[in-house]
Amino acid sequence: VKDNVLKNIFTSRSNATMSDILMNVVNTNICNECSLRHNFKYDIEL
């Protein structure tokens, strides 16, 4: 169901080829290796 829904959304907003690319990106980024970062603070001093 998830794949069909997402693919239909992507196809409606782009084309069939692009929807396949987007599906691959989503499935790659949602897997365990992907991280979503919050509270990101980076201080640099020279």
ModelCIF file with pLDDT and N, C-alpha, C, O atoms, coordinates in Angstrom:
data_MODEL
#
_entry.id   MODEL 
#
_entity.id                         1 
_entity.type                       polymer 
_entity.pdbx_number_of_molecules   1 
#
_entity_poly.entity_id                      1 
_entity_poly.type                           'polypeptide(L)' 
_entity_poly.nstd_linkage                   no 
_entity_poly.nstd_monomer                   no 
_entity_poly.pdbx_seq_one_letter_code       VKDNVLKNIFTSRSNATMSDILMNVVNTNICNECSLRHNFKYDIEL 
_entity_poly.pdbx_seq_one_letter_code_can   VKDNVLKNIFTSRSNATMSDILMNVVNTNICNECSLRHNFKYDIEL 
_entity_poly.pdbx_strand_id                 A 
#
loop_
_entity_poly_seq.entity_id 
_entity_poly_seq.num 
_entity_poly_seq.mon_id 
_entity_poly_seq.hetero 
1 1  VAL n 
1 2  LYS n 
1 3  ASP n 
1 4  ASN n 
1 5  VAL n 
1 6  LEU n 
1 7  LYS n 
1 8  ASN n 
1 9  ILE n 
1 10 PHE n 
1 11 THR n 
1 12 SER n 
1 13 ARG n 
1 14 SER n 
1 15 ASN n 
1 16 ALA n 
1 17 THR n 
1 18 MET n 
1 19 SER n 
1 20 ASP n 
1 21 ILE n 
1 22 LEU n 
1 23 MET n 
1 24 ASN n 
1 25 VAL n 
1 26 VAL n 
1 27 ASN n 
1 28 THR n 
1 29 ASN n 
1 30 ILE n 
1 31 CYS n 
1 32 ASN n 
1 33 GLU n 
1 34 CYS n 
1 35 SER n 
1 36 LEU n 
1 37 ARG n 
1 38 HIS n 
1 39 ASN n 
1 40 PHE n 
1 41 LYS n 
1 42 TYR n 
1 43 ASP n 
1 44 ILE n 
1 45 GLU n 
1 46 LEU n 
#
_struct_asym.id          A 
_struct_asym.entity_id   1 
#
loop_
_ma_qa_metric.id 
_ma_qa_metric.mode 
_ma_qa_metric.name 
_ma_qa_metric.software_group_id 
_ma_qa_metric.type 
1 global pLDDT . pLDDT 
2 local  pLDDT . pLDDT 
#
_ma_qa_metric_global.metric_id      1 
_ma_qa_metric_global.metric_value   61.30 
_ma_qa_metric_global.model_id       1 
_ma_qa_metric_global.ordinal_id     1 
#
loop_
_ma_qa_metric_local.label_asym_id 
_ma_qa_metric_local.label_comp_id 
_ma_qa_metric_local.label_seq_id 
_ma_qa_metric_local.metric_id 
_ma_qa_metric_local.metric_value 
_ma_qa_metric_local.model_id 
_ma_qa_metric_local.ordinal_id 
A VAL 1  2 51.00 1 1  
A LYS 2  2 53.00 1 2  
A ASP 3  2 60.00 1 3  
A ASN 4  2 58.00 1 4  
A VAL 5  2 53.00 1 5  
A LEU 6  2 56.00 1 6  
A LYS 7  2 58.00 1 7  
A ASN 8  2 57.00 1 8  
A ILE 9  2 52.00 1 9  
A PHE 10 2 53.00 1 10 
A THR 11 2 54.00 1 11 
A SER 12 2 51.00 1 12 
A ARG 13 2 47.00 1 13 
A SER 14 2 48.00 1 14 
A ASN 15 2 51.00 1 15 
A ALA 16 2 55.00 1 16 
A THR 17 2 50.00 1 17 
A MET 18 2 49.00 1 18 
A SER 19 2 54.00 1 19 
A ASP 20 2 56.00 1 20 
A ILE 21 2 50.00 1 21 
A LEU 22 2 51.00 1 22 
A MET 23 2 56.00 1 23 
A ASN 24 2 54.00 1 24 
A VAL 25 2 50.00 1 25 
A VAL 26 2 53.00 1 26 
A ASN 27 2 56.00 1 27 
A THR 28 2 50.00 1 28 
A ASN 29 2 50.00 1 29 
A ILE 30 2 49.00 1 30 
A CYS 31 2 48.00 1 31 
A ASN 32 2 40.00 1 32 
A GLU 33 2 47.00 1 33 
A CYS 34 2 51.00 1 34 
A SER 35 2 58.00 1 35 
A LEU 36 2 74.00 1 36 
A ARG 37 2 80.00 1 37 
A HIS 38 2 83.00 1 38 
A ASN 39 2 86.00 1 39 
A PHE 40 2 92.00 1 40 
A LYS 41 2 95.00 1 41 
A TYR 42 2 96.00 1 42 
A ASP 43 2 97.00 1 43 
A ILE 44 2 97.00 1 44 
A GLU 45 2 96.00 1 45 
A LEU 46 2 95.00 1 46 
#
loop_
_atom_site.group_PDB 
_atom_site.id 
_atom_site.type_symbol 
_atom_site.label_atom_id 
_atom_site.label_alt_id 
_atom_site.label_comp_id 
_atom_site.label_asym_id 
_atom_site.label_entity_id 
_atom_site.label_seq_id 
_atom_site.pdbx_PDB_ins_code 
_atom_site.Cartn_x 
_atom_site.Cartn_y 
_atom_site.Cartn_z 
_atom_site.occupancy 
_atom_site.B_iso_or_equiv 
_atom_site.pdbx_formal_charge 
_atom_site.auth_seq_id 
_atom_site.auth_comp_id 
_atom_site.auth_asym_id 
_atom_site.auth_atom_id 
_atom_site.pdbx_PDB_model_num 
ATOM 1   N N  . VAL A 1 1  ? 0.835  -1.203 0.000   1.00 51.00 ? 1  VAL A N  1 
ATOM 2   C CA . VAL A 1 1  ? 0.000  0.000  0.000   1.00 51.00 ? 1  VAL A CA 1 
ATOM 3   C C  . VAL A 1 1  ? 0.871  1.256  0.000   1.00 51.00 ? 1  VAL A C  1 
ATOM 4   O O  . VAL A 1 1  ? 0.634  2.206  -0.746  1.00 51.00 ? 1  VAL A O  1 
ATOM 5   N N  . LYS A 1 2  ? 1.878  1.226  0.856   1.00 53.00 ? 2  LYS A N  1 
ATOM 6   C CA . LYS A 1 2  ? 2.778  2.375  0.978   1.00 53.00 ? 2  LYS A CA 1 
ATOM 7   C C  . LYS A 1 2  ? 3.434  2.702  -0.357  1.00 53.00 ? 2  LYS A C  1 
ATOM 8   O O  . LYS A 1 2  ? 3.467  3.858  -0.777  1.00 53.00 ? 2  LYS A O  1 
ATOM 9   N N  . ASP A 1 3  ? 3.963  1.658  -1.028  1.00 60.00 ? 3  ASP A N  1 
ATOM 10  C CA . ASP A 1 3  ? 4.648  1.890  -2.290  1.00 60.00 ? 3  ASP A CA 1 
ATOM 11  C C  . ASP A 1 3  ? 3.709  2.442  -3.351  1.00 60.00 ? 3  ASP A C  1 
ATOM 12  O O  . ASP A 1 3  ? 4.071  3.355  -4.094  1.00 60.00 ? 3  ASP A O  1 
ATOM 13  N N  . ASN A 1 4  ? 2.502  1.887  -3.422  1.00 58.00 ? 4  ASN A N  1 
ATOM 14  C CA . ASN A 1 4  ? 1.534  2.348  -4.424  1.00 58.00 ? 4  ASN A CA 1 
ATOM 15  C C  . ASN A 1 4  ? 1.118  3.790  -4.171  1.00 58.00 ? 4  ASN A C  1 
ATOM 16  O O  . ASN A 1 4  ? 1.036  4.594  -5.099  1.00 58.00 ? 4  ASN A O  1 
ATOM 17  N N  . VAL A 1 5  ? 0.857  4.109  -2.916  1.00 53.00 ? 5  VAL A N  1 
ATOM 18  C CA . VAL A 1 5  ? 0.432  5.472  -2.579  1.00 53.00 ? 5  VAL A CA 1 
ATOM 19  C C  . VAL A 1 5  ? 1.536  6.479  -2.910  1.00 53.00 ? 5  VAL A C  1 
ATOM 20  O O  . VAL A 1 5  ? 1.294  7.493  -3.564  1.00 53.00 ? 5  VAL A O  1 
ATOM 21  N N  . LEU A 1 6  ? 2.738  6.181  -2.450  1.00 56.00 ? 6  LEU A N  1 
ATOM 22  C CA . LEU A 1 6  ? 3.841  7.111  -2.689  1.00 56.00 ? 6  LEU A CA 1 
ATOM 23  C C  . LEU A 1 6  ? 4.141  7.257  -4.173  1.00 56.00 ? 6  LEU A C  1 
ATOM 24  O O  . LEU A 1 6  ? 4.389  8.361  -4.658  1.00 56.00 ? 6  LEU A O  1 
ATOM 25  N N  . LYS A 1 7  ? 4.116  6.140  -4.890  1.00 58.00 ? 7  LYS A N  1 
ATOM 26  C CA . LYS A 1 7  ? 4.428  6.204  -6.315  1.00 58.00 ? 7  LYS A CA 1 
ATOM 27  C C  . LYS A 1 7  ? 3.378  7.018  -7.067  1.00 58.00 ? 7  LYS A C  1 
ATOM 28  O O  . LYS A 1 7  ? 3.711  7.774  -7.980  1.00 58.00 ? 7  LYS A O  1 
ATOM 29  N N  . ASN A 1 8  ? 2.116  6.864  -6.686  1.00 57.00 ? 8  ASN A N  1 
ATOM 30  C CA . ASN A 1 8  ? 1.059  7.653  -7.323  1.00 57.00 ? 8  ASN A CA 1 
ATOM 31  C C  . ASN A 1 8  ? 1.232  9.146  -7.043  1.00 57.00 ? 8  ASN A C  1 
ATOM 32  O O  . ASN A 1 8  ? 1.017  9.981  -7.921  1.00 57.00 ? 8  ASN A O  1 
ATOM 33  N N  . ILE A 1 9  ? 1.626  9.473  -5.798  1.00 52.00 ? 9  ILE A N  1 
ATOM 34  C CA . ILE A 1 9  ? 1.865  10.879 -5.455  1.00 52.00 ? 9  ILE A CA 1 
ATOM 35  C C  . ILE A 1 9  ? 3.009  11.443 -6.296  1.00 52.00 ? 9  ILE A C  1 
ATOM 36  O O  . ILE A 1 9  ? 2.902  12.528 -6.867  1.00 52.00 ? 9  ILE A O  1 
ATOM 37  N N  . PHE A 1 10 ? 4.102  10.689 -6.359  1.00 53.00 ? 10 PHE A N  1 
ATOM 38  C CA . PHE A 1 10 ? 5.273  11.176 -7.088  1.00 53.00 ? 10 PHE A CA 1 
ATOM 39  C C  . PHE A 1 10 ? 4.987  11.281 -8.584  1.00 53.00 ? 10 PHE A C  1 
ATOM 40  O O  . PHE A 1 10 ? 5.407  12.240 -9.231  1.00 53.00 ? 10 PHE A O  1 
ATOM 41  N N  . THR A 1 11 ? 4.269  10.292 -9.139  1.00 54.00 ? 11 THR A N  1 
ATOM 42  C CA . THR A 1 11 ? 3.957  10.317 -10.559 1.00 54.00 ? 11 THR A CA 1 
ATOM 43  C C  . THR A 1 11 ? 3.090  11.521 -10.906 1.00 54.00 ? 11 THR A C  1 
ATOM 44  O O  . THR A 1 11 ? 3.285  12.159 -11.941 1.00 54.00 ? 11 THR A O  1 
ATOM 45  N N  . SER A 1 12 ? 2.122  11.830 -10.027 1.00 51.00 ? 12 SER A N  1 
ATOM 46  C CA . SER A 1 12 ? 1.232  12.965 -10.282 1.00 51.00 ? 12 SER A CA 1 
ATOM 47  C C  . SER A 1 12 ? 1.978  14.293 -10.263 1.00 51.00 ? 12 SER A C  1 
ATOM 48  O O  . SER A 1 12 ? 1.537  15.270 -10.868 1.00 51.00 ? 12 SER A O  1 
ATOM 49  N N  . ARG A 1 13 ? 3.116  14.323 -9.561  1.00 47.00 ? 13 ARG A N  1 
ATOM 50  C CA . ARG A 1 13 ? 3.862  15.576 -9.441  1.00 47.00 ? 13 ARG A CA 1 
ATOM 51  C C  . ARG A 1 13 ? 5.054  15.635 -10.391 1.00 47.00 ? 13 ARG A C  1 
ATOM 52  O O  . ARG A 1 13 ? 5.688  16.682 -10.520 1.00 47.00 ? 13 ARG A O  1 
ATOM 53  N N  . SER A 1 14 ? 5.368  14.512 -11.063 1.00 48.00 ? 14 SER A N  1 
ATOM 54  C CA . SER A 1 14 ? 6.513  14.540 -11.971 1.00 48.00 ? 14 SER A CA 1 
ATOM 55  C C  . SER A 1 14 ? 6.214  13.662 -13.183 1.00 48.00 ? 14 SER A C  1 
ATOM 56  O O  . SER A 1 14 ? 5.415  14.033 -14.043 1.00 48.00 ? 14 SER A O  1 
ATOM 57  N N  . ASN A 1 15 ? 6.865  12.489 -13.247 1.00 51.00 ? 15 ASN A N  1 
ATOM 58  C CA . ASN A 1 15 ? 6.599  11.525 -14.310 1.00 51.00 ? 15 ASN A CA 1 
ATOM 59  C C  . ASN A 1 15 ? 7.008  10.142 -13.813 1.00 51.00 ? 15 ASN A C  1 
ATOM 60  O O  . ASN A 1 15 ? 7.511  10.004 -12.698 1.00 51.00 ? 15 ASN A O  1 
ATOM 61  N N  . ALA A 1 16 ? 6.793  9.125  -14.636 1.00 55.00 ? 16 ALA A N  1 
ATOM 62  C CA . ALA A 1 16 ? 7.033  7.754  -14.181 1.00 55.00 ? 16 ALA A CA 1 
ATOM 63  C C  . ALA A 1 16 ? 8.499  7.528  -13.824 1.00 55.00 ? 16 ALA A C  1 
ATOM 64  O O  . ALA A 1 16 ? 8.808  6.902  -12.810 1.00 55.00 ? 16 ALA A O  1 
ATOM 65  N N  . THR A 1 17 ? 9.394  8.036  -14.655 1.00 50.00 ? 17 THR A N  1 
ATOM 66  C CA . THR A 1 17 ? 10.827 7.854  -14.372 1.00 50.00 ? 17 THR A CA 1 
ATOM 67  C C  . THR A 1 17 ? 11.211 8.548  -13.079 1.00 50.00 ? 17 THR A C  1 
ATOM 68  O O  . THR A 1 17 ? 11.923 7.987  -12.247 1.00 50.00 ? 17 THR A O  1 
ATOM 69  N N  . MET A 1 18 ? 10.732 9.778  -12.918 1.00 49.00 ? 18 MET A N  1 
ATOM 70  C CA . MET A 1 18 ? 11.078 10.542 -11.727 1.00 49.00 ? 18 MET A CA 1 
ATOM 71  C C  . MET A 1 18 ? 10.490 9.902  -10.478 1.00 49.00 ? 18 MET A C  1 
ATOM 72  O O  . MET A 1 18 ? 11.105 9.948  -9.413  1.00 49.00 ? 18 MET A O  1 
ATOM 73  N N  . SER A 1 19 ? 9.306  9.306  -10.593 1.00 54.00 ? 19 SER A N  1 
ATOM 74  C CA . SER A 1 19 ? 8.695  8.675  -9.421  1.00 54.00 ? 19 SER A CA 1 
ATOM 75  C C  . SER A 1 19 ? 9.531  7.497  -8.937  1.00 54.00 ? 19 SER A C  1 
ATOM 76  O O  . SER A 1 19 ? 9.633  7.267  -7.733  1.00 54.00 ? 19 SER A O  1 
ATOM 77  N N  . ASP A 1 20 ? 10.135 6.740  -9.872  1.00 56.00 ? 20 ASP A N  1 
ATOM 78  C CA . ASP A 1 20 ? 11.012 5.633  -9.483  1.00 56.00 ? 20 ASP A CA 1 
ATOM 79  C C  . ASP A 1 20 ? 12.239 6.153  -8.743  1.00 56.00 ? 20 ASP A C  1 
ATOM 80  O O  . ASP A 1 20 ? 12.676 5.559  -7.757  1.00 56.00 ? 20 ASP A O  1 
ATOM 81  N N  . ILE A 1 21 ? 12.784 7.252  -9.219  1.00 50.00 ? 21 ILE A N  1 
ATOM 82  C CA . ILE A 1 21 ? 13.949 7.856  -8.556  1.00 50.00 ? 21 ILE A CA 1 
ATOM 83  C C  . ILE A 1 21 ? 13.582 8.297  -7.144  1.00 50.00 ? 21 ILE A C  1 
ATOM 84  O O  . ILE A 1 21 ? 14.321 8.041  -6.194  1.00 50.00 ? 21 ILE A O  1 
ATOM 85  N N  . LEU A 1 22 ? 12.437 8.958  -7.014  1.00 51.00 ? 22 LEU A N  1 
ATOM 86  C CA . LEU A 1 22 ? 12.006 9.446  -5.699  1.00 51.00 ? 22 LEU A CA 1 
ATOM 87  C C  . LEU A 1 22 ? 11.729 8.304  -4.734  1.00 51.00 ? 22 LEU A C  1 
ATOM 88  O O  . LEU A 1 22 ? 12.038 8.394  -3.546  1.00 51.00 ? 22 LEU A O  1 
ATOM 89  N N  . MET A 1 23 ? 11.145 7.235  -5.251  1.00 56.00 ? 23 MET A N  1 
ATOM 90  C CA . MET A 1 23 ? 10.893 6.083  -4.392  1.00 56.00 ? 23 MET A CA 1 
ATOM 91  C C  . MET A 1 23 ? 12.188 5.529  -3.836  1.00 56.00 ? 23 MET A C  1 
ATOM 92  O O  . MET A 1 23 ? 12.266 5.165  -2.662  1.00 56.00 ? 23 MET A O  1 
ATOM 93  N N  . ASN A 1 24 ? 13.207 5.465  -4.683  1.00 54.00 ? 24 ASN A N  1 
ATOM 94  C CA . ASN A 1 24 ? 14.503 4.956  -4.246  1.00 54.00 ? 24 ASN A CA 1 
ATOM 95  C C  . ASN A 1 24 ? 15.098 5.849  -3.165  1.00 54.00 ? 24 ASN A C  1 
ATOM 96  O O  . ASN A 1 24 ? 15.669 5.355  -2.192  1.00 54.00 ? 24 ASN A O  1 
ATOM 97  N N  . VAL A 1 25 ? 14.964 7.175  -3.335  1.00 50.00 ? 25 VAL A N  1 
ATOM 98  C CA . VAL A 1 25 ? 15.490 8.111  -2.334  1.00 50.00 ? 25 VAL A CA 1 
ATOM 99  C C  . VAL A 1 25 ? 14.780 7.943  -1.000  1.00 50.00 ? 25 VAL A C  1 
ATOM 100 O O  . VAL A 1 25 ? 15.421 7.902  0.050   1.00 50.00 ? 25 VAL A O  1 
ATOM 101 N N  . VAL A 1 26 ? 13.444 7.844  -1.040  1.00 53.00 ? 26 VAL A N  1 
ATOM 102 C CA . VAL A 1 26 ? 12.674 7.691  0.191   1.00 53.00 ? 26 VAL A CA 1 
ATOM 103 C C  . VAL A 1 26 ? 13.056 6.400  0.902   1.00 53.00 ? 26 VAL A C  1 
ATOM 104 O O  . VAL A 1 26 ? 13.309 6.406  2.106   1.00 53.00 ? 26 VAL A O  1 
ATOM 105 N N  . ASN A 1 27 ? 13.100 5.296  0.167   1.00 56.00 ? 27 ASN A N  1 
ATOM 106 C CA . ASN A 1 27 ? 13.415 4.009  0.786   1.00 56.00 ? 27 ASN A CA 1 
ATOM 107 C C  . ASN A 1 27 ? 14.833 3.971  1.331   1.00 56.00 ? 27 ASN A C  1 
ATOM 108 O O  . ASN A 1 27 ? 15.094 3.300  2.330   1.00 56.00 ? 27 ASN A O  1 
ATOM 109 N N  . THR A 1 28 ? 15.750 4.682  0.689   1.00 50.00 ? 28 THR A N  1 
ATOM 110 C CA . THR A 1 28 ? 17.123 4.742  1.177   1.00 50.00 ? 28 THR A CA 1 
ATOM 111 C C  . THR A 1 28 ? 17.210 5.572  2.445   1.00 50.00 ? 28 THR A C  1 
ATOM 112 O O  . THR A 1 28 ? 17.878 5.181  3.402   1.00 50.00 ? 28 THR A O  1 
ATOM 113 N N  . ASN A 1 29 ? 16.536 6.718  2.454   1.00 50.00 ? 29 ASN A N  1 
ATOM 114 C CA . ASN A 1 29 ? 16.660 7.639  3.575   1.00 50.00 ? 29 ASN A CA 1 
ATOM 115 C C  . ASN A 1 29 ? 15.862 7.222  4.800   1.00 50.00 ? 29 ASN A C  1 
ATOM 116 O O  . ASN A 1 29 ? 16.159 7.653  5.914   1.00 50.00 ? 29 ASN A O  1 
ATOM 117 N N  . ILE A 1 30 ? 14.841 6.379  4.597   1.00 49.00 ? 30 ILE A N  1 
ATOM 118 C CA . ILE A 1 30 ? 14.014 6.000  5.732   1.00 49.00 ? 30 ILE A CA 1 
ATOM 119 C C  . ILE A 1 30 ? 14.580 4.781  6.447   1.00 49.00 ? 30 ILE A C  1 
ATOM 120 O O  . ILE A 1 30 ? 14.104 4.429  7.527   1.00 49.00 ? 30 ILE A O  1 
ATOM 121 N N  . CYS A 1 31 ? 15.591 4.128  5.865   1.00 48.00 ? 31 CYS A N  1 
ATOM 122 C CA . CYS A 1 31 ? 16.129 2.913  6.469   1.00 48.00 ? 31 CYS A CA 1 
ATOM 123 C C  . CYS A 1 31 ? 16.976 3.232  7.694   1.00 48.00 ? 31 CYS A C  1 
ATOM 124 O O  . CYS A 1 31 ? 17.187 4.399  8.026   1.00 48.00 ? 31 CYS A O  1 
ATOM 125 N N  . ASN A 1 32 ? 17.448 2.214  8.345   1.00 40.00 ? 32 ASN A N  1 
ATOM 126 C CA . ASN A 1 32 ? 18.151 2.366  9.614   1.00 40.00 ? 32 ASN A CA 1 
ATOM 127 C C  . ASN A 1 32 ? 19.395 3.241  9.513   1.00 40.00 ? 32 ASN A C  1 
ATOM 128 O O  . ASN A 1 32 ? 19.756 3.918  10.475  1.00 40.00 ? 32 ASN A O  1 
ATOM 129 N N  . GLU A 1 33 ? 20.066 3.232  8.332   1.00 47.00 ? 33 GLU A N  1 
ATOM 130 C CA . GLU A 1 33 ? 21.297 3.992  8.201   1.00 47.00 ? 33 GLU A CA 1 
ATOM 131 C C  . GLU A 1 33 ? 21.043 5.499  8.156   1.00 47.00 ? 33 GLU A C  1 
ATOM 132 O O  . GLU A 1 33 ? 21.937 6.291  8.454   1.00 47.00 ? 33 GLU A O  1 
ATOM 133 N N  . CYS A 1 34 ? 19.851 5.883  7.792   1.00 51.00 ? 34 CYS A N  1 
ATOM 134 C CA . CYS A 1 34 ? 19.567 7.308  7.664   1.00 51.00 ? 34 CYS A CA 1 
ATOM 135 C C  . CYS A 1 34 ? 19.284 7.941  9.015   1.00 51.00 ? 34 CYS A C  1 
ATOM 136 O O  . CYS A 1 34 ? 18.638 7.338  9.873   1.00 51.00 ? 34 CYS A O  1 
ATOM 137 N N  . SER A 1 35 ? 19.767 9.148  9.195   1.00 58.00 ? 35 SER A N  1 
ATOM 138 C CA . SER A 1 35 ? 19.484 9.855  10.438  1.00 58.00 ? 35 SER A CA 1 
ATOM 139 C C  . SER A 1 35 ? 18.840 11.198 10.137  1.00 58.00 ? 35 SER A C  1 
ATOM 140 O O  . SER A 1 35 ? 19.188 11.869 9.166   1.00 58.00 ? 35 SER A O  1 
ATOM 141 N N  . LEU A 1 36 ? 17.908 11.571 10.978  1.00 74.00 ? 36 LEU A N  1 
ATOM 142 C CA . LEU A 1 36 ? 17.334 12.911 10.953  1.00 74.00 ? 36 LEU A CA 1 
ATOM 143 C C  . LEU A 1 36 ? 17.908 13.656 12.144  1.00 74.00 ? 36 LEU A C  1 
ATOM 144 O O  . LEU A 1 36 ? 17.830 13.171 13.273  1.00 74.00 ? 36 LEU A O  1 
ATOM 145 N N  . ARG A 1 37 ? 18.474 14.810 11.913  1.00 80.00 ? 37 ARG A N  1 
ATOM 146 C CA . ARG A 1 37 ? 19.166 15.512 12.989  1.00 80.00 ? 37 ARG A CA 1 
ATOM 147 C C  . ARG A 1 37 ? 18.333 16.686 13.513  1.00 80.00 ? 37 ARG A C  1 
ATOM 148 O O  . ARG A 1 37 ? 17.786 17.487 12.755  1.00 80.00 ? 37 ARG A O  1 
ATOM 149 N N  . HIS A 1 38 ? 18.268 16.747 14.834  1.00 83.00 ? 38 HIS A N  1 
ATOM 150 C CA . HIS A 1 38 ? 17.630 17.857 15.528  1.00 83.00 ? 38 HIS A CA 1 
ATOM 151 C C  . HIS A 1 38 ? 18.664 18.496 16.455  1.00 83.00 ? 38 HIS A C  1 
ATOM 152 O O  . HIS A 1 38 ? 19.760 17.964 16.634  1.00 83.00 ? 38 HIS A O  1 
ATOM 153 N N  . ASN A 1 39 ? 18.311 19.625 17.036  1.00 86.00 ? 39 ASN A N  1 
ATOM 154 C CA . ASN A 1 39 ? 19.162 20.296 18.041  1.00 86.00 ? 39 ASN A CA 1 
ATOM 155 C C  . ASN A 1 39 ? 20.588 20.484 17.528  1.00 86.00 ? 39 ASN A C  1 
ATOM 156 O O  . ASN A 1 39 ? 21.550 20.346 18.284  1.00 86.00 ? 39 ASN A O  1 
ATOM 157 N N  . PHE A 1 40 ? 20.714 20.797 16.253  1.00 92.00 ? 40 PHE A N  1 
ATOM 158 C CA . PHE A 1 40 ? 22.035 20.892 15.626  1.00 92.00 ? 40 PHE A CA 1 
ATOM 159 C C  . PHE A 1 40 ? 22.684 22.235 15.965  1.00 92.00 ? 40 PHE A C  1 
ATOM 160 O O  . PHE A 1 40 ? 22.169 23.295 15.607  1.00 92.00 ? 40 PHE A O  1 
ATOM 161 N N  . LYS A 1 41 ? 23.815 22.171 16.657  1.00 95.00 ? 41 LYS A N  1 
ATOM 162 C CA . LYS A 1 41 ? 24.533 23.382 17.038  1.00 95.00 ? 41 LYS A CA 1 
ATOM 163 C C  . LYS A 1 41 ? 26.020 23.165 16.754  1.00 95.00 ? 41 LYS A C  1 
ATOM 164 O O  . LYS A 1 41 ? 26.624 22.211 17.244  1.00 95.00 ? 41 LYS A O  1 
ATOM 165 N N  . TYR A 1 42 ? 26.597 24.062 15.957  1.00 96.00 ? 42 TYR A N  1 
ATOM 166 C CA . TYR A 1 42 ? 27.984 23.925 15.523  1.00 96.00 ? 42 TYR A CA 1 
ATOM 167 C C  . TYR A 1 42 ? 28.700 25.252 15.769  1.00 96.00 ? 42 TYR A C  1 
ATOM 168 O O  . TYR A 1 42 ? 28.424 26.242 15.091  1.00 96.00 ? 42 TYR A O  1 
ATOM 169 N N  . ASP A 1 43 ? 29.621 25.275 16.737  1.00 97.00 ? 43 ASP A N  1 
ATOM 170 C CA . ASP A 1 43 ? 30.390 26.475 17.074  1.00 97.00 ? 43 ASP A CA 1 
ATOM 171 C C  . ASP A 1 43 ? 31.830 26.293 16.617  1.00 97.00 ? 43 ASP A C  1 
ATOM 172 O O  . ASP A 1 43 ? 32.474 25.297 16.945  1.00 97.00 ? 43 ASP A O  1 
ATOM 173 N N  . ILE A 1 44 ? 32.331 27.266 15.856  1.00 97.00 ? 44 ILE A N  1 
ATOM 174 C CA . ILE A 1 44 ? 33.706 27.242 15.357  1.00 97.00 ? 44 ILE A CA 1 
ATOM 175 C C  . ILE A 1 44 ? 34.402 28.523 15.806  1.00 97.00 ? 44 ILE A C  1 
ATOM 176 O O  . ILE A 1 44 ? 33.827 29.608 15.720  1.00 97.00 ? 44 ILE A O  1 
ATOM 177 N N  . GLU A 1 45 ? 35.639 28.397 16.285  1.00 96.00 ? 45 GLU A N  1 
ATOM 178 C CA . GLU A 1 45 ? 36.401 29.574 16.716  1.00 96.00 ? 45 GLU A CA 1 
ATOM 179 C C  . GLU A 1 45 ? 37.825 29.484 16.169  1.00 96.00 ? 45 GLU A C  1 
ATOM 180 O O  . GLU A 1 45 ? 38.497 28.464 16.321  1.00 96.00 ? 45 GLU A O  1 
ATOM 181 N N  . LEU A 1 46 ? 38.275 30.566 15.531  1.00 95.00 ? 46 LEU A N  1 
ATOM 182 C CA . LEU A 1 46 ? 39.605 30.632 14.948  1.00 95.00 ? 46 LEU A CA 1 
ATOM 183 C C  . LEU A 1 46 ? 40.498 31.491 15.849  1.00 95.00 ? 46 LEU A C  1 
ATOM 184 O O  . LEU A 1 46 ? 41.675 31.684 15.548  1.00 95.00 ? 46 LEU A O  1 
#
